[in-house]
N, C-alpha and C. Protein backbone atom coordinates (compact mmCIF):
# COMPACT_ATOMS: atom_id res chain seq x y z
N MET A 1 0.32 -25.51 9.26
CA MET A 1 0.52 -24.61 8.14
C MET A 1 0.06 -25.34 6.88
N ALA A 2 -0.61 -24.59 6.01
CA ALA A 2 -1.09 -25.18 4.76
C ALA A 2 -0.82 -24.21 3.61
N VAL A 3 -0.26 -24.75 2.56
CA VAL A 3 -0.08 -24.01 1.33
C VAL A 3 -1.10 -24.56 0.34
N SER A 4 -1.73 -23.67 -0.43
CA SER A 4 -2.70 -24.14 -1.42
C SER A 4 -2.01 -25.12 -2.37
N ARG A 5 -2.79 -25.98 -2.97
CA ARG A 5 -2.24 -27.03 -3.83
C ARG A 5 -1.34 -26.49 -4.93
N ASP A 6 -1.65 -25.29 -5.44
CA ASP A 6 -0.83 -24.71 -6.51
C ASP A 6 0.28 -23.81 -5.98
N GLY A 7 0.41 -23.71 -4.64
CA GLY A 7 1.46 -22.91 -4.03
C GLY A 7 1.22 -21.41 -4.07
N ALA A 8 -0.01 -20.99 -4.35
CA ALA A 8 -0.31 -19.57 -4.53
C ALA A 8 -0.68 -18.85 -3.24
N ALA A 9 -1.03 -19.58 -2.17
CA ALA A 9 -1.47 -18.92 -0.93
C ALA A 9 -1.06 -19.75 0.28
N LEU A 10 -0.93 -19.08 1.41
CA LEU A 10 -0.48 -19.69 2.66
C LEU A 10 -1.48 -19.42 3.77
N ARG A 11 -1.89 -20.47 4.47
CA ARG A 11 -2.71 -20.36 5.69
C ARG A 11 -1.90 -21.02 6.79
N LEU A 12 -1.51 -20.23 7.80
CA LEU A 12 -0.62 -20.77 8.83
C LEU A 12 -1.37 -21.61 9.86
N LYS A 13 -2.53 -21.17 10.27
CA LYS A 13 -3.30 -21.88 11.29
C LYS A 13 -4.64 -22.31 10.71
N ASP A 14 -5.13 -23.45 11.15
CA ASP A 14 -6.40 -23.97 10.63
C ASP A 14 -7.57 -23.05 10.90
N ASP A 15 -7.52 -22.27 12.00
CA ASP A 15 -8.64 -21.40 12.33
C ASP A 15 -8.49 -19.98 11.78
N ASP A 16 -7.48 -19.75 10.92
CA ASP A 16 -7.32 -18.43 10.29
C ASP A 16 -8.50 -18.15 9.38
N HIS A 17 -8.91 -16.90 9.33
CA HIS A 17 -10.00 -16.47 8.46
C HIS A 17 -9.51 -16.10 7.07
N VAL A 18 -8.21 -15.86 6.95
CA VAL A 18 -7.62 -15.41 5.69
C VAL A 18 -6.37 -16.21 5.38
N ALA A 19 -6.00 -16.20 4.10
CA ALA A 19 -4.71 -16.74 3.66
C ALA A 19 -3.96 -15.60 2.98
N VAL A 20 -2.65 -15.69 2.98
CA VAL A 20 -1.81 -14.69 2.32
C VAL A 20 -1.50 -15.20 0.91
N CYS A 21 -1.71 -14.33 -0.07
CA CYS A 21 -1.42 -14.69 -1.45
C CYS A 21 0.09 -14.57 -1.67
N LEU A 22 0.71 -15.64 -2.12
CA LEU A 22 2.15 -15.67 -2.35
C LEU A 22 2.50 -15.18 -3.75
N ARG A 23 1.50 -15.03 -4.58
CA ARG A 23 1.65 -14.44 -5.91
C ARG A 23 0.33 -13.80 -6.28
N ASP A 24 0.30 -13.02 -7.33
CA ASP A 24 -0.94 -12.38 -7.77
C ASP A 24 -1.99 -13.46 -8.09
N ILE A 25 -3.21 -13.22 -7.61
CA ILE A 25 -4.32 -14.13 -7.89
C ILE A 25 -5.30 -13.37 -8.78
N PRO A 26 -5.62 -13.89 -9.96
CA PRO A 26 -6.57 -13.19 -10.83
C PRO A 26 -8.00 -13.37 -10.33
N ALA A 27 -8.88 -12.45 -10.68
CA ALA A 27 -10.31 -12.64 -10.38
C ALA A 27 -10.73 -13.96 -11.00
N GLY A 28 -11.46 -14.76 -10.24
CA GLY A 28 -11.89 -16.07 -10.71
C GLY A 28 -10.87 -17.17 -10.46
N GLY A 29 -9.67 -16.79 -9.98
CA GLY A 29 -8.65 -17.79 -9.67
C GLY A 29 -9.11 -18.66 -8.52
N ARG A 30 -8.81 -19.94 -8.59
CA ARG A 30 -9.26 -20.89 -7.58
C ARG A 30 -8.10 -21.32 -6.71
N LEU A 31 -8.32 -21.30 -5.39
CA LEU A 31 -7.35 -21.80 -4.41
C LEU A 31 -7.96 -23.00 -3.72
N GLU A 32 -7.21 -24.08 -3.65
CA GLU A 32 -7.68 -25.28 -2.96
C GLU A 32 -6.64 -25.71 -1.94
N PHE A 33 -7.13 -25.92 -0.72
CA PHE A 33 -6.28 -26.39 0.37
C PHE A 33 -6.66 -27.83 0.69
N ASP A 34 -5.68 -28.69 0.92
CA ASP A 34 -5.98 -30.06 1.33
C ASP A 34 -6.80 -30.01 2.61
N GLY A 35 -7.89 -30.71 2.64
CA GLY A 35 -8.78 -30.68 3.80
C GLY A 35 -9.70 -29.48 3.81
N GLY A 36 -9.68 -28.64 2.75
CA GLY A 36 -10.55 -27.48 2.62
C GLY A 36 -9.91 -26.24 3.18
N PRO A 37 -10.40 -25.11 2.85
CA PRO A 37 -11.49 -24.86 1.90
C PRO A 37 -10.98 -24.73 0.47
N SER A 38 -11.94 -24.66 -0.45
CA SER A 38 -11.67 -24.29 -1.84
C SER A 38 -12.33 -22.94 -2.06
N ILE A 39 -11.57 -21.98 -2.55
CA ILE A 39 -12.03 -20.59 -2.63
C ILE A 39 -11.80 -20.07 -4.04
N THR A 40 -12.76 -19.28 -4.54
CA THR A 40 -12.59 -18.58 -5.81
C THR A 40 -12.44 -17.10 -5.52
N ALA A 41 -11.37 -16.49 -6.03
CA ALA A 41 -11.13 -15.06 -5.82
C ALA A 41 -12.21 -14.25 -6.52
N ARG A 42 -12.85 -13.36 -5.78
CA ARG A 42 -13.93 -12.53 -6.32
C ARG A 42 -13.40 -11.29 -7.04
N ALA A 43 -12.12 -11.00 -6.86
CA ALA A 43 -11.45 -9.87 -7.51
C ALA A 43 -9.98 -10.24 -7.60
N ALA A 44 -9.23 -9.52 -8.41
CA ALA A 44 -7.78 -9.73 -8.46
C ALA A 44 -7.18 -9.35 -7.11
N ILE A 45 -6.25 -10.17 -6.63
CA ILE A 45 -5.62 -9.93 -5.33
C ILE A 45 -4.11 -9.96 -5.53
N PRO A 46 -3.42 -8.86 -5.18
CA PRO A 46 -1.96 -8.81 -5.36
C PRO A 46 -1.22 -9.74 -4.40
N ALA A 47 -0.04 -10.16 -4.80
CA ALA A 47 0.84 -10.93 -3.93
C ALA A 47 1.06 -10.17 -2.63
N GLY A 48 1.06 -10.89 -1.52
CA GLY A 48 1.28 -10.28 -0.21
C GLY A 48 0.00 -9.82 0.46
N HIS A 49 -1.10 -9.77 -0.28
CA HIS A 49 -2.38 -9.38 0.30
C HIS A 49 -3.14 -10.62 0.73
N LYS A 50 -4.28 -10.42 1.37
CA LYS A 50 -5.03 -11.52 1.96
C LYS A 50 -6.31 -11.82 1.18
N ILE A 51 -6.72 -13.09 1.24
CA ILE A 51 -7.98 -13.54 0.66
C ILE A 51 -8.80 -14.19 1.78
N ALA A 52 -10.10 -13.87 1.83
CA ALA A 52 -10.98 -14.45 2.85
C ALA A 52 -11.22 -15.92 2.54
N LEU A 53 -11.07 -16.77 3.55
CA LEU A 53 -11.29 -18.20 3.40
C LEU A 53 -12.71 -18.60 3.77
N ARG A 54 -13.41 -17.71 4.43
CA ARG A 54 -14.81 -17.97 4.83
C ARG A 54 -15.51 -16.64 4.98
N ALA A 55 -16.81 -16.67 5.14
CA ALA A 55 -17.56 -15.44 5.38
C ALA A 55 -17.13 -14.85 6.72
N ILE A 56 -16.96 -13.53 6.74
CA ILE A 56 -16.59 -12.80 7.96
C ILE A 56 -17.62 -11.70 8.14
N ALA A 57 -18.33 -11.73 9.24
CA ALA A 57 -19.39 -10.76 9.49
C ALA A 57 -18.82 -9.39 9.81
N ALA A 58 -19.55 -8.34 9.45
CA ALA A 58 -19.15 -6.98 9.83
C ALA A 58 -18.99 -6.93 11.34
N GLY A 59 -17.88 -6.38 11.80
CA GLY A 59 -17.61 -6.27 13.24
C GLY A 59 -16.86 -7.46 13.82
N GLU A 60 -16.75 -8.54 13.08
CA GLU A 60 -16.06 -9.74 13.57
C GLU A 60 -14.55 -9.53 13.54
N LEU A 61 -13.87 -10.06 14.55
CA LEU A 61 -12.41 -10.02 14.57
C LEU A 61 -11.87 -10.99 13.52
N ILE A 62 -10.80 -10.57 12.83
CA ILE A 62 -10.22 -11.36 11.76
C ILE A 62 -8.90 -11.95 12.23
N ARG A 63 -8.70 -13.25 11.95
CA ARG A 63 -7.49 -13.95 12.38
C ARG A 63 -6.61 -14.29 11.19
N LYS A 64 -5.31 -14.02 11.37
CA LYS A 64 -4.27 -14.37 10.40
C LYS A 64 -3.08 -14.84 11.21
N TYR A 65 -2.45 -15.93 10.82
CA TYR A 65 -1.30 -16.49 11.56
C TYR A 65 -1.68 -16.79 13.01
N GLY A 66 -2.95 -17.09 13.26
CA GLY A 66 -3.40 -17.40 14.61
C GLY A 66 -3.56 -16.18 15.50
N GLN A 67 -3.44 -14.98 14.94
CA GLN A 67 -3.52 -13.74 15.71
C GLN A 67 -4.62 -12.85 15.15
N THR A 68 -5.24 -12.05 16.01
CA THR A 68 -6.22 -11.07 15.55
C THR A 68 -5.46 -9.94 14.85
N ILE A 69 -5.88 -9.63 13.62
CA ILE A 69 -5.21 -8.57 12.86
C ILE A 69 -6.09 -7.35 12.66
N GLY A 70 -7.36 -7.45 13.06
CA GLY A 70 -8.27 -6.33 12.89
C GLY A 70 -9.70 -6.80 12.97
N ARG A 71 -10.60 -5.88 12.65
CA ARG A 71 -12.04 -6.14 12.71
C ARG A 71 -12.62 -5.83 11.33
N ALA A 72 -13.53 -6.67 10.87
CA ALA A 72 -14.17 -6.43 9.58
C ALA A 72 -15.03 -5.18 9.65
N GLY A 73 -14.75 -4.23 8.77
CA GLY A 73 -15.52 -2.99 8.72
C GLY A 73 -16.84 -3.19 7.99
N VAL A 74 -16.91 -4.20 7.16
CA VAL A 74 -18.10 -4.58 6.40
C VAL A 74 -18.13 -6.10 6.34
N ALA A 75 -19.25 -6.66 5.90
CA ALA A 75 -19.31 -8.10 5.69
C ALA A 75 -18.34 -8.47 4.56
N ILE A 76 -17.59 -9.53 4.76
CA ILE A 76 -16.58 -9.99 3.80
C ILE A 76 -16.96 -11.40 3.37
N ALA A 77 -17.05 -11.61 2.07
CA ALA A 77 -17.45 -12.92 1.54
C ALA A 77 -16.22 -13.78 1.29
N PRO A 78 -16.38 -15.10 1.29
CA PRO A 78 -15.27 -15.97 0.92
C PRO A 78 -14.75 -15.58 -0.46
N GLY A 79 -13.42 -15.47 -0.59
CA GLY A 79 -12.82 -15.09 -1.86
C GLY A 79 -12.60 -13.60 -2.02
N ASP A 80 -13.09 -12.78 -1.08
CA ASP A 80 -12.88 -11.34 -1.15
C ASP A 80 -11.44 -10.98 -0.82
N HIS A 81 -10.97 -9.89 -1.41
CA HIS A 81 -9.69 -9.28 -1.07
C HIS A 81 -9.86 -8.66 0.32
N VAL A 82 -9.01 -9.01 1.25
CA VAL A 82 -9.08 -8.48 2.62
C VAL A 82 -7.89 -7.55 2.80
N HIS A 83 -8.21 -6.26 2.99
CA HIS A 83 -7.15 -5.24 3.08
C HIS A 83 -7.73 -4.02 3.80
N ILE A 84 -7.05 -2.90 3.74
CA ILE A 84 -7.45 -1.72 4.52
C ILE A 84 -8.82 -1.17 4.12
N HIS A 85 -9.34 -1.51 2.97
CA HIS A 85 -10.65 -1.01 2.56
C HIS A 85 -11.80 -1.70 3.29
N ASN A 86 -11.54 -2.85 3.92
CA ASN A 86 -12.61 -3.56 4.62
C ASN A 86 -12.20 -4.09 6.00
N VAL A 87 -11.03 -3.67 6.48
CA VAL A 87 -10.54 -4.08 7.80
C VAL A 87 -10.19 -2.84 8.61
N GLU A 88 -10.66 -2.80 9.84
CA GLU A 88 -10.31 -1.75 10.79
C GLU A 88 -9.23 -2.29 11.72
N GLY A 89 -8.14 -1.56 11.87
CA GLY A 89 -7.08 -1.97 12.78
C GLY A 89 -7.56 -1.94 14.22
N THR A 90 -7.03 -2.84 15.04
CA THR A 90 -7.39 -2.88 16.46
C THR A 90 -6.17 -2.74 17.36
N ARG A 91 -4.98 -2.84 16.82
CA ARG A 91 -3.76 -2.76 17.64
C ARG A 91 -3.45 -1.33 18.00
N GLY A 92 -3.16 -1.11 19.26
CA GLY A 92 -2.76 0.21 19.71
C GLY A 92 -3.90 1.20 19.79
N ARG A 93 -5.14 0.72 19.73
CA ARG A 93 -6.29 1.63 19.78
C ARG A 93 -6.73 1.79 21.23
N GLY A 94 -6.51 2.96 21.78
CA GLY A 94 -6.89 3.22 23.17
C GLY A 94 -8.38 3.11 23.41
N ASP A 95 -9.19 3.38 22.38
CA ASP A 95 -10.64 3.30 22.55
C ASP A 95 -11.10 1.85 22.68
N LEU A 96 -10.22 0.89 22.44
CA LEU A 96 -10.58 -0.52 22.58
C LEU A 96 -9.99 -1.13 23.85
N ALA A 97 -9.31 -0.32 24.67
CA ALA A 97 -8.73 -0.82 25.91
C ALA A 97 -9.84 -1.20 26.88
N PRO A 98 -9.60 -2.21 27.72
CA PRO A 98 -10.60 -2.58 28.71
C PRO A 98 -10.92 -1.42 29.65
N ALA A 99 -12.14 -1.33 30.11
CA ALA A 99 -12.54 -0.28 31.03
C ALA A 99 -11.65 -0.33 32.27
N GLY A 100 -11.15 0.82 32.70
CA GLY A 100 -10.32 0.90 33.90
C GLY A 100 -8.85 0.63 33.66
N ALA A 101 -8.46 0.32 32.41
CA ALA A 101 -7.05 0.04 32.12
C ALA A 101 -6.23 1.31 32.28
N GLU A 102 -5.02 1.16 32.79
CA GLU A 102 -4.12 2.28 32.96
C GLU A 102 -3.56 2.69 31.60
N PRO A 103 -3.47 3.98 31.30
CA PRO A 103 -2.86 4.39 30.03
C PRO A 103 -1.37 4.06 30.03
N LEU A 104 -0.84 3.78 28.86
CA LEU A 104 0.58 3.48 28.74
C LEU A 104 1.39 4.75 28.82
N GLU A 105 2.54 4.69 29.47
CA GLU A 105 3.44 5.83 29.54
C GLU A 105 4.23 5.90 28.24
N PRO A 106 4.36 7.09 27.65
CA PRO A 106 5.19 7.21 26.46
C PRO A 106 6.64 6.94 26.80
N LYS A 107 7.38 6.35 25.87
CA LYS A 107 8.80 6.09 26.10
C LYS A 107 9.54 7.41 26.22
N ALA A 108 10.55 7.43 27.05
CA ALA A 108 11.31 8.65 27.29
C ALA A 108 11.85 9.24 25.99
N ALA A 109 12.26 8.41 25.06
CA ALA A 109 12.82 8.89 23.80
C ALA A 109 11.78 9.61 22.95
N LEU A 110 10.52 9.37 23.22
CA LEU A 110 9.45 9.99 22.41
C LEU A 110 8.90 11.24 23.05
N ARG A 111 9.36 11.59 24.24
CA ARG A 111 8.83 12.76 24.93
C ARG A 111 9.39 14.03 24.39
């Protein structure tokens, strides 16, 4: 786990593509992590939202907390705000299930 030197952002795993902003980051705000990377916010990013730590190609899976959280809908540059405007969700999407996978049964309470 790494917190930026100024305590403004958190990266849980070294291979995460994004960090979570622990407070509002202004456009042009700089985040530096010991051992890298150093990132400049390309736009204002609200607390609780994500900032890209590296370039993420359109279609690439995005990792946060060591887990896949979605797929980049467009190319994302280092320092970009990463949120629903540029990330496609992948959890619970039946169209992304492996070929031949059995459909899940709805819970009895939801029938």
